[in-house]
Protein backbone atom coordinates (compact mmCIF):
# COMPACT_ATOMS: atom_id res chain seq x y z
CA MET A 1 -28.67 -29.19 6.00
CA GLN A 2 -31.58 -27.29 4.13
CA GLU A 3 -34.66 -28.59 3.11
CA LYS A 4 -34.20 -31.19 0.42
CA THR A 5 -36.73 -31.63 -2.56
CA TYR A 6 -34.81 -33.55 -5.45
CA MET A 7 -31.11 -35.64 -5.62
CA GLU A 8 -29.43 -32.49 -6.95
CA ASP A 9 -30.26 -30.98 -3.59
CA TYR A 10 -27.20 -32.97 -2.37
CA SER A 11 -23.66 -32.33 -2.10
CA ILE A 12 -20.51 -34.63 -1.75
CA GLY A 13 -19.24 -34.06 1.70
CA GLU A 14 -22.39 -32.48 3.18
CA ARG A 15 -22.86 -33.44 6.88
CA LEU A 16 -25.34 -33.22 9.21
CA VAL A 17 -25.43 -33.86 13.09
CA THR A 18 -28.46 -34.71 15.20
CA PRO A 19 -29.73 -33.93 18.76
CA GLY A 20 -28.96 -36.56 21.00
CA ARG A 21 -30.95 -39.37 22.61
CA THR A 22 -30.23 -41.37 26.10
CA MET A 23 -30.64 -45.02 25.97
CA THR A 24 -33.11 -46.26 28.60
CA GLU A 25 -33.87 -49.52 30.26
CA THR A 26 -37.33 -49.12 28.73
CA ASP A 27 -36.10 -48.98 25.34
CA LEU A 28 -34.16 -52.42 25.75
CA VAL A 29 -36.93 -54.08 27.18
CA LEU A 30 -39.41 -52.78 24.34
CA PHE A 31 -36.81 -53.72 21.88
CA SER A 32 -36.50 -57.60 23.70
CA ALA A 33 -40.46 -57.88 23.71
CA LEU A 34 -40.40 -56.65 19.90
CA THR A 35 -37.97 -58.89 18.35
CA GLY A 36 -37.86 -61.66 20.84
CA ASP A 37 -34.25 -61.08 21.58
CA TRP A 38 -33.93 -61.76 25.42
CA HIS A 39 -30.28 -62.39 25.36
CA PRO A 40 -28.91 -62.06 29.12
CA LEU A 41 -26.24 -59.71 27.78
CA HIS A 42 -29.12 -57.04 27.56
CA THR A 43 -31.34 -58.07 30.07
CA ASN A 44 -29.87 -59.87 33.02
CA VAL A 45 -28.08 -57.80 35.39
CA GLU A 46 -26.00 -60.48 36.89
CA TYR A 47 -24.98 -62.24 33.49
CA ALA A 48 -24.04 -59.10 32.08
CA SER A 49 -22.09 -58.05 35.20
CA ARG A 50 -19.71 -61.03 34.19
CA THR A 51 -19.21 -60.10 30.73
CA PRO A 52 -16.21 -57.63 29.33
CA PHE A 53 -18.76 -55.00 29.31
CA GLY A 54 -19.47 -55.07 33.05
CA GLU A 55 -23.18 -54.46 32.76
CA ARG A 56 -26.18 -54.56 30.50
CA ILE A 57 -25.54 -53.05 26.83
CA ALA A 58 -28.19 -52.08 24.19
CA HIS A 59 -28.42 -54.74 21.44
CA GLY A 60 -26.66 -53.47 18.25
CA MET A 61 -29.63 -53.55 15.83
CA LEU A 62 -31.57 -51.11 18.85
CA VAL A 63 -28.69 -48.84 18.31
CA LEU A 64 -28.85 -48.99 14.74
CA VAL A 65 -32.22 -48.61 14.58
CA ILE A 66 -32.63 -45.65 16.98
CA GLY A 67 -29.36 -44.04 15.96
CA SER A 68 -30.44 -43.92 12.07
CA ALA A 69 -33.97 -42.53 13.20
CA LEU A 70 -32.20 -39.58 14.68
CA ALA A 71 -32.06 -37.99 11.51
CA PHE A 72 -35.64 -37.17 11.57
CA ARG A 73 -35.41 -34.89 14.21
CA LEU A 74 -33.70 -32.49 12.25
CA GLY A 75 -37.22 -31.86 10.77
CA GLN A 76 -39.29 -32.70 7.64
CA TYR A 77 -37.16 -32.77 4.51
CA ALA A 78 -33.91 -31.92 6.23
CA PHE A 79 -32.51 -35.55 5.74
CA LEU A 80 -34.58 -37.24 3.24
CA PRO A 81 -36.15 -35.19 0.32
CA LYS A 82 -39.64 -34.41 -0.35
CA SER A 83 -39.27 -36.85 -3.72
CA PHE A 84 -38.05 -39.97 -1.52
CA ILE A 85 -39.07 -42.87 -2.99
CA ALA A 86 -37.51 -45.99 -0.78
CA PHE A 87 -34.67 -46.99 1.27
CA TYR A 88 -32.49 -48.64 -1.46
CA GLY A 89 -29.92 -50.49 1.36
CA MET A 90 -27.31 -50.46 3.81
CA ASP A 91 -23.71 -51.68 3.61
CA SER A 92 -21.07 -52.03 5.97
CA VAL A 93 -22.60 -52.15 9.07
CA ARG A 94 -20.12 -52.50 12.00
CA PHE A 95 -21.14 -52.33 16.14
CA THR A 96 -17.91 -50.76 17.06
CA ALA A 97 -18.52 -49.92 20.84
CA PRO A 98 -21.11 -50.86 23.60
CA VAL A 99 -24.15 -48.61 24.18
CA LYS A 100 -24.79 -48.73 27.91
CA ILE A 101 -28.21 -47.80 29.46
CA GLY A 102 -27.83 -44.05 30.34
CA ASP A 103 -25.59 -43.19 27.40
CA THR A 104 -26.70 -40.36 25.09
CA ILE A 105 -26.32 -41.16 21.26
CA HIS A 106 -26.31 -38.86 18.23
CA LEU A 107 -26.02 -39.62 14.43
CA GLU A 108 -23.49 -37.90 12.18
CA VAL A 109 -24.02 -38.04 8.66
CA GLU A 110 -21.95 -37.30 5.64
CA VAL A 111 -22.95 -37.25 1.68
CA VAL A 112 -20.47 -39.85 0.09
CA GLU A 113 -22.15 -40.16 -3.12
CA VAL A 114 -25.01 -38.59 -5.52
CA LYS A 115 -25.70 -40.43 -8.56
CA GLY A 116 -28.53 -40.72 -11.02
CA LYS A 117 -30.38 -44.07 -11.96
CA ASP A 118 -32.34 -42.67 -14.99
CA ASP A 119 -33.89 -39.53 -15.99
CA LYS A 120 -36.27 -39.22 -13.04
CA ARG A 121 -34.81 -41.06 -10.03
CA GLY A 122 -31.27 -41.15 -8.18
CA LEU A 123 -29.67 -42.74 -5.59
CA VAL A 124 -27.90 -40.42 -2.51
CA THR A 125 -25.23 -42.62 -0.33
CA VAL A 126 -24.68 -41.45 2.98
CA ARG A 127 -21.88 -42.79 5.65
CA ASN A 128 -23.40 -42.84 9.08
CA THR A 129 -21.75 -42.93 12.46
CA VAL A 130 -23.73 -43.32 15.69
CA LYS A 131 -21.62 -41.88 18.57
CA ASN A 132 -21.89 -41.91 22.38
CA GLN A 133 -21.46 -38.63 24.71
CA ARG A 134 -17.66 -39.11 24.82
CA GLY A 135 -17.76 -38.81 21.06
CA GLU A 136 -16.91 -42.64 20.50
CA ASP A 137 -17.97 -44.33 17.35
CA CYS A 138 -20.59 -46.92 18.46
CA CYS A 139 -22.18 -47.77 15.37
CA VAL A 140 -21.09 -47.09 11.26
CA PHE A 141 -22.95 -48.05 8.18
CA VAL A 142 -23.52 -46.71 4.90
CA ALA A 143 -26.74 -46.45 3.59
CA LYS A 144 -28.87 -45.38 0.44
CA PHE A 145 -32.40 -43.82 -0.67
CA LEU A 146 -33.99 -43.66 -3.92
CA CYS A 147 -35.28 -40.05 -4.40
CA GLY A 148 -36.65 -38.00 -7.28
CA ARG A 149 -34.53 -36.13 -9.62
CA LYS A 150 -35.20 -32.45 -10.80
CA PRO A 151 -37.17 -32.25 -13.84
CA SER A 152 -35.17 -31.28 -16.93
């Protein structure tokens, strides 16, 4: 994606792929401490070894947060425009495969809707897929952001 300024700078079908990032044990521990979610599936090696996953996995919300933030590694205004106003919402979040310690995830984004709200603001809707190093979908969701429109 080239640098964005306004809603009109997005095209339906436009795609971006981010660099990867490896999930670490430190990520799980820090997320547990921040949120208070110390579920043994994420923090107890013995417990997790007896689950269908066979080992500890990252919190779904951690995958969502880290995965979605990878878009910012593409550079300023490559994903969100200069006229960005606010994160508008998220729909259809699904955690479709586990992310384990040592997995490297990246984000693939596709613009699915560009729609004006009024003369000055509009919504850009993107389909997001967090994938692991094997190309498996781990987390999928739709997000919307509010931004400015090109002045008439």
